[in-house]
Protein backbone atom coordinates (compact mmCIF):
# COMPACT_ATOMS: atom_id res chain seq x y z
CA MET A 1 -52.16 -68.94 -136.28
CA SER A 2 -50.14 -72.14 -136.42
CA VAL A 3 -48.73 -74.04 -139.37
CA PRO A 4 -50.28 -77.49 -139.93
CA GLU A 5 -47.88 -80.28 -138.93
CA HIS A 6 -47.63 -81.74 -142.43
CA LEU A 7 -46.29 -78.42 -143.81
CA ASP A 8 -42.89 -76.89 -143.23
CA PRO A 9 -43.06 -73.37 -141.82
CA VAL A 10 -42.42 -70.68 -144.39
CA LYS A 11 -39.81 -68.09 -143.61
CA VAL A 12 -40.54 -64.69 -145.11
CA VAL A 13 -37.26 -62.94 -145.81
CA LYS A 14 -38.57 -59.87 -147.59
CA MET A 15 -41.91 -58.12 -147.94
CA SER A 16 -42.86 -55.02 -149.90
CA MET A 17 -45.86 -52.74 -150.29
CA THR A 18 -46.42 -50.58 -153.35
CA ILE A 19 -49.19 -48.07 -153.94
CA ARG A 20 -49.90 -46.93 -157.48
CA MET A 21 -52.55 -44.55 -158.76
CA ASP A 22 -52.97 -43.54 -162.37
CA ALA A 23 -55.49 -42.39 -164.95
CA THR A 24 -55.82 -41.54 -168.61
CA VAL A 25 -57.02 -38.06 -169.58
CA THR A 26 -57.94 -37.47 -173.23
CA VAL A 27 -58.75 -34.01 -174.63
CA TYR A 28 -61.17 -33.93 -177.59
CA ASP A 29 -61.86 -31.04 -179.93
CA ALA A 30 -65.32 -29.91 -181.06
CA ALA A 31 -65.24 -32.46 -183.91
CA GLY A 32 -64.64 -35.30 -181.48
CA GLN A 33 -60.99 -35.81 -182.42
CA ALA A 34 -58.49 -36.49 -179.66
CA THR A 35 -56.07 -33.58 -179.58
CA ASP A 36 -54.07 -34.36 -176.47
CA TRP A 37 -53.80 -37.02 -173.84
CA LEU A 38 -51.99 -37.56 -170.60
CA LYS A 39 -51.44 -40.69 -168.57
CA PRO A 40 -50.57 -39.33 -165.13
CA GLY A 41 -49.51 -41.72 -162.45
CA SER A 42 -47.77 -41.94 -159.15
CA GLU A 43 -46.16 -44.89 -157.40
CA ALA A 44 -44.40 -45.28 -154.08
CA GLY A 45 -43.18 -48.35 -152.24
CA VAL A 46 -41.35 -49.68 -149.24
CA THR A 47 -39.57 -52.98 -148.59
CA TRP A 48 -38.89 -54.73 -145.30
CA ASN A 49 -36.55 -57.55 -144.38
CA GLY A 50 -39.02 -60.04 -142.93
CA VAL A 51 -42.61 -59.30 -141.97
CA PRO A 52 -43.45 -55.88 -140.50
CA THR A 53 -45.89 -55.44 -137.64
CA GLN A 54 -49.43 -54.31 -138.33
CA ALA A 55 -48.60 -50.92 -136.80
CA GLU A 56 -45.60 -50.54 -139.15
CA LEU A 57 -47.76 -51.51 -142.15
CA MET A 58 -50.37 -48.90 -141.23
CA LEU A 59 -47.74 -46.22 -140.67
CA ARG A 60 -45.99 -46.86 -143.99
CA PHE A 61 -49.33 -47.08 -145.84
CA ASN A 62 -50.16 -43.58 -144.58
CA ASP A 63 -46.70 -42.34 -145.59
CA LEU A 64 -47.01 -43.82 -149.08
CA THR A 65 -50.46 -42.35 -149.68
CA GLN A 66 -49.12 -38.90 -148.72
CA VAL A 67 -46.30 -39.27 -151.26
CA THR A 68 -48.58 -40.44 -154.07
CA SER A 69 -51.20 -37.80 -153.24
CA ALA A 70 -48.65 -34.98 -153.40
CA THR A 71 -47.37 -36.24 -156.74
CA LEU A 72 -50.85 -36.58 -158.19
CA GLU A 73 -51.75 -33.10 -156.98
CA SER A 74 -48.98 -31.64 -159.15
CA VAL A 75 -50.17 -33.79 -162.07
CA VAL A 76 -53.72 -32.46 -161.68
CA VAL A 77 -52.33 -28.91 -161.98
CA GLU A 78 -50.62 -29.91 -165.26
CA VAL A 79 -53.82 -31.55 -166.55
CA ARG A 80 -55.77 -28.37 -165.81
CA LYS A 81 -53.20 -26.28 -167.69
CA ARG A 82 -53.44 -28.55 -170.72
CA LEU A 83 -57.25 -28.53 -170.63
CA ASP A 84 -57.29 -24.72 -170.46
CA LYS A 85 -54.83 -24.58 -173.35
CA ALA A 86 -57.00 -26.96 -175.40
CA ARG A 87 -60.12 -24.85 -174.68
CA ARG A 88 -58.27 -21.80 -176.04
CA GLY A 89 -57.38 -23.75 -179.19
CA GLU A 90 -53.65 -23.78 -178.45
CA ARG A 91 -51.39 -26.78 -178.99
């Protein structure tokens, strides 16, 4: 792809990619009152000087999703513990 003649070429000096996943989990009691809530999230990012190749983007995207997935997996375990605790009536 070429830059139109009437425009100056743009030089990209830095580029970054960030992946973020999050959710809100609210625990309600039998009366419908919120008794607990969690806002788990996970974020990972990478920065390049200049523009990375498509292969590098794909590789880092896969790396970042593995990092965020592992973090969220541990959060899911914590959410399950809190839900079990709430079912038992514990605070």
